[in-house]
C-alpha atoms as a PDB file:
ATOM      1  CA  UNK A   1      10.634  -8.348  -1.911  1.00  0.00           C
ATOM      2  CA  UNK A   2       7.941  -6.978  -0.072  1.00  0.00           C
ATOM      3  CA  UNK A   3       5.339  -7.886   2.550  1.00  0.00           C
ATOM      4  CA  UNK A   4       1.900  -6.628   3.278  1.00  0.00           C
ATOM      5  CA  UNK A   5      -0.924  -7.032   5.735  1.00  0.00           C
ATOM      6  CA  UNK A   6      -3.926  -5.628   7.155  1.00  0.00           C
ATOM      7  CA  UNK A   7      -6.847  -5.832   9.966  1.00  0.00           C
ATOM      8  CA  UNK A   8      -8.920  -4.048  12.027  1.00  0.00           C
ATOM      9  CA  UNK A   9      -9.093  -2.349  15.200  1.00  0.00           C
ATOM     10  CA  UNK A  10     -10.004   0.685  17.310  1.00  0.00           C
ATOM     11  CA  UNK A  11      -8.552   4.291  17.891  1.00  0.00           C
ATOM     12  CA  UNK A  12      -8.813   5.021  21.441  1.00  0.00           C
ATOM     13  CA  UNK A  13     -11.224   2.490  22.051  1.00  0.00           C
ATOM     14  CA  UNK A  14     -13.490   3.871  19.576  1.00  0.00           C
ATOM     15  CA  UNK A  15     -14.681   3.210  16.182  1.00  0.00           C
ATOM     16  CA  UNK A  16     -13.635   0.349  14.104  1.00  0.00           C
ATOM     17  CA  UNK A  17     -10.902   0.953  11.701  1.00  0.00           C
ATOM     18  CA  UNK A  18      -9.110  -0.901   8.835  1.00  0.00           C
ATOM     19  CA  UNK A  19      -5.354  -0.480   8.823  1.00  0.00           C
ATOM     20  CA  UNK A  20      -2.861  -2.045   6.047  1.00  0.00           C
ATOM     21  CA  UNK A  21       0.954  -1.992   6.360  1.00  0.00           C
ATOM     22  CA  UNK A  22       3.281  -2.794   3.419  1.00  0.00           C
ATOM     23  CA  UNK A  23       6.992  -3.373   4.020  1.00  0.00           C
ATOM     24  CA  UNK A  24       9.667  -3.358   1.239  1.00  0.00           C
ATOM     25  CA  UNK A  25      12.980  -5.319   1.812  1.00  0.00           C
ATOM     26  CA  UNK A  26      15.514  -3.752  -0.785  1.00  0.00           C
ATOM     27  CA  UNK A  27      18.270  -6.124   0.154  1.00  0.00           C
ATOM     28  CA  UNK A  28      20.899  -6.081   2.739  1.00  0.00           C
ATOM     29  CA  UNK A  29      21.897  -3.258   4.734  1.00  0.00           C
ATOM     30  CA  UNK A  30      23.731  -0.766   2.436  1.00  0.00           C
ATOM     31  CA  UNK A  31      22.092  -2.250  -0.658  1.00  0.00           C
ATOM     32  CA  UNK A  32      18.910   0.225  -0.674  1.00  0.00           C
ATOM     33  CA  UNK A  33      16.884   1.869   1.639  1.00  0.00           C
ATOM     34  CA  UNK A  34      14.023  -0.328   2.942  1.00  0.00           C
ATOM     35  CA  UNK A  35      10.480   1.420   3.520  1.00  0.00           C
ATOM     36  CA  UNK A  36       7.050   0.886   5.072  1.00  0.00           C
ATOM     37  CA  UNK A  37       3.425   2.472   4.440  1.00  0.00           C
ATOM     38  CA  UNK A  38       0.913   2.440   6.954  1.00  0.00           C
ATOM     39  CA  UNK A  39      -3.043   3.444   5.928  1.00  0.00           C
ATOM     40  CA  UNK A  40      -6.063   3.492   7.994  1.00  0.00           C
ATOM     41  CA  UNK A  41      -9.780   3.769   6.718  1.00  0.00           C
ATOM     42  CA  UNK A  42     -13.284   3.418   8.249  1.00  0.00           C
ATOM     43  CA  UNK A  43     -16.126   2.031   6.230  1.00  0.00           C
ATOM     44  CA  UNK A  44     -16.939   5.325   4.448  1.00  0.00           C
ATOM     45  CA  UNK A  45     -13.115   5.755   3.398  1.00  0.00           C
ATOM     46  CA  UNK A  46     -11.101   3.361   0.944  1.00  0.00           C
ATOM     47  CA  UNK A  47      -7.498   2.448   0.874  1.00  0.00           C
ATOM     48  CA  UNK A  48      -7.265   4.829  -2.019  1.00  0.00           C
ATOM     49  CA  UNK A  49      -8.625   7.789   0.161  1.00  0.00           C
ATOM     50  CA  UNK A  50      -7.789   6.529   3.549  1.00  0.00           C
ATOM     51  CA  UNK A  51      -8.437   9.013   6.974  1.00  0.00           C
ATOM     52  CA  UNK A  52      -4.413   8.827   7.620  1.00  0.00           C
ATOM     53  CA  UNK A  53      -1.433   7.334   5.858  1.00  0.00           C
ATOM     54  CA  UNK A  54       2.410   7.422   6.441  1.00  0.00           C
ATOM     55  CA  UNK A  55       5.301   6.549   4.239  1.00  0.00           C
ATOM     56  CA  UNK A  56       8.839   6.305   5.582  1.00  0.00           C
ATOM     57  CA  UNK A  57      12.192   5.265   4.686  1.00  0.00           C
ATOM     58  CA  UNK A  58      13.795   3.634   7.782  1.00  0.00           C
ATOM     59  CA  UNK A  59      16.733   5.501   8.900  1.00  0.00           C
ATOM     60  CA  UNK A  60      18.439   2.631  10.622  1.00  0.00           C
ATOM     61  CA  UNK A  61      17.866  -1.026  10.990  1.00  0.00           C
ATOM     62  CA  UNK A  62      16.658  -3.507   8.557  1.00  0.00           C
ATOM     63  CA  UNK A  63      13.429  -4.832   7.303  1.00  0.00           C
ATOM     64  CA  UNK A  64      13.812  -8.466   6.527  1.00  0.00           C
ATOM     65  CA  UNK A  65      10.881 -10.282   4.533  1.00  0.00           C
ATOM     66  CA  UNK A  66      11.028 -14.175   4.655  1.00  0.00           C
ATOM     67  CA  UNK A  67       9.535 -16.454   2.138  1.00  0.00           C
ATOM     68  CA  UNK A  68       7.767 -19.370   3.439  1.00  0.00           C
END
């Protein structure tokens, strides 16, 4: 199961940037590695071509995505 959200903010009090976060819950601990993506872009960039992006598999813990 996965979840995503996005919003806007500043970096060091400057600019207006959009960010997007995606989290992937691959089941209970030991069932598969959970991971997340973070992207940041501004008015001239797009989500497909962000100014910064990071993708990581978590090394410990457990992402939990809940449904309504």
